[in-house]
Protein backbone atom coordinates (compact mmCIF):
# COMPACT_ATOMS: atom_id res chain seq x y z
CA UNK A 1 48.50 -34.98 72.06
CA UNK A 2 47.74 -36.09 75.58
CA UNK A 3 47.87 -33.81 78.52
CA UNK A 4 45.85 -33.62 81.70
CA UNK A 5 42.38 -32.26 82.22
CA UNK A 6 41.60 -30.76 85.62
CA UNK A 7 38.13 -29.71 86.71
CA UNK A 8 38.00 -26.26 88.28
CA UNK A 9 35.86 -25.26 91.25
CA UNK A 10 33.54 -23.13 89.09
CA UNK A 11 32.76 -26.08 86.83
CA UNK A 12 35.20 -25.25 84.03
CA UNK A 13 38.12 -27.34 82.83
CA UNK A 14 41.85 -26.62 82.73
CA UNK A 15 43.91 -28.47 80.13
CA UNK A 16 47.63 -28.95 80.86
CA UNK A 17 50.04 -30.00 78.11
CA UNK A 18 53.73 -30.87 78.07
CA UNK A 19 55.83 -27.84 77.01
CA UNK A 20 58.12 -30.01 74.91
CA UNK A 21 55.20 -31.35 72.84
CA UNK A 22 53.86 -27.83 72.30
CA UNK A 23 57.31 -26.64 71.22
CA UNK A 24 57.62 -29.53 68.72
CA UNK A 25 54.16 -28.80 67.30
CA UNK A 26 54.96 -25.09 66.96
CA UNK A 27 58.25 -25.76 65.17
CA UNK A 28 56.50 -28.17 62.80
CA UNK A 29 53.86 -25.56 61.99
CA UNK A 30 56.47 -22.85 61.43
CA UNK A 31 58.39 -25.19 59.12
CA UNK A 32 55.22 -25.99 57.17
CA UNK A 33 54.19 -22.35 56.82
CA UNK A 34 57.67 -21.19 55.79
CA UNK A 35 57.91 -24.01 53.24
CA UNK A 36 54.60 -23.01 51.70
CA UNK A 37 55.61 -19.35 51.66
CA UNK A 38 58.83 -20.27 49.85
CA UNK A 39 56.97 -22.37 47.27
CA UNK A 40 54.65 -19.52 46.31
CA UNK A 41 57.33 -17.58 44.36
CA UNK A 42 58.17 -20.71 42.35
CA UNK A 43 54.54 -21.02 41.28
CA UNK A 44 54.31 -17.29 40.65
CA UNK A 45 57.46 -17.27 38.52
CA UNK A 46 56.17 -20.16 36.42
CA UNK A 47 52.91 -18.39 35.59
CA UNK A 48 53.83 -14.69 35.32
CA UNK A 49 55.61 -13.25 32.31
CA UNK A 50 55.92 -9.76 33.75
CA UNK A 51 59.34 -9.58 35.44
CA UNK A 52 58.41 -6.75 37.79
CA UNK A 53 55.47 -8.66 39.21
CA UNK A 54 57.59 -11.79 39.54
CA UNK A 55 60.29 -9.94 41.48
CA UNK A 56 57.64 -8.29 43.65
CA UNK A 57 56.14 -11.72 44.44
CA UNK A 58 59.53 -13.13 45.43
CA UNK A 59 60.28 -10.10 47.62
CA UNK A 60 56.88 -10.27 49.29
CA UNK A 61 57.18 -13.99 50.05
CA UNK A 62 60.70 -13.53 51.39
CA UNK A 63 59.49 -10.76 53.69
CA UNK A 64 56.60 -12.92 54.92
CA UNK A 65 58.98 -15.79 55.64
CA UNK A 66 61.31 -13.47 57.57
CA UNK A 67 58.38 -12.21 59.67
CA UNK A 68 57.24 -15.79 60.38
CA UNK A 69 60.75 -16.69 61.50
CA UNK A 70 61.08 -13.59 63.66
CA UNK A 71 57.73 -14.03 65.38
CA UNK A 72 57.43 -17.80 65.49
CA UNK A 73 60.93 -18.90 66.43
CA UNK A 74 63.76 -17.92 68.72
CA UNK A 75 66.13 -17.18 65.83
CA UNK A 76 68.60 -14.36 66.17
CA UNK A 77 68.57 -11.44 63.75
CA UNK A 78 71.53 -12.67 61.70
CA UNK A 79 69.95 -16.14 61.36
CA UNK A 80 66.77 -14.59 59.95
CA UNK A 81 68.84 -12.57 57.47
CA UNK A 82 70.73 -15.70 56.39
CA UNK A 83 67.50 -17.66 55.95
CA UNK A 84 65.87 -14.87 53.96
CA UNK A 85 68.87 -14.45 51.69
CA UNK A 86 69.08 -18.19 51.05
């Protein structure tokens, strides 16, 4: 990922990275995590015959995805609601 490494006076090291690269990496990780969270209900629905448990699994995964979007991105509230409802 690159970056610079600076030696400190006390013998430690300071690693400096480009903000744009960190932002890209964070957005990629959030996309990966939210994709996995959205795939879980599909797997759950294909294996569970109990409708209540299936609905609970979908609701739980939707809530997790909304939390990931709220904490990990700079989305506005209405964008998180739209993403969760989709």
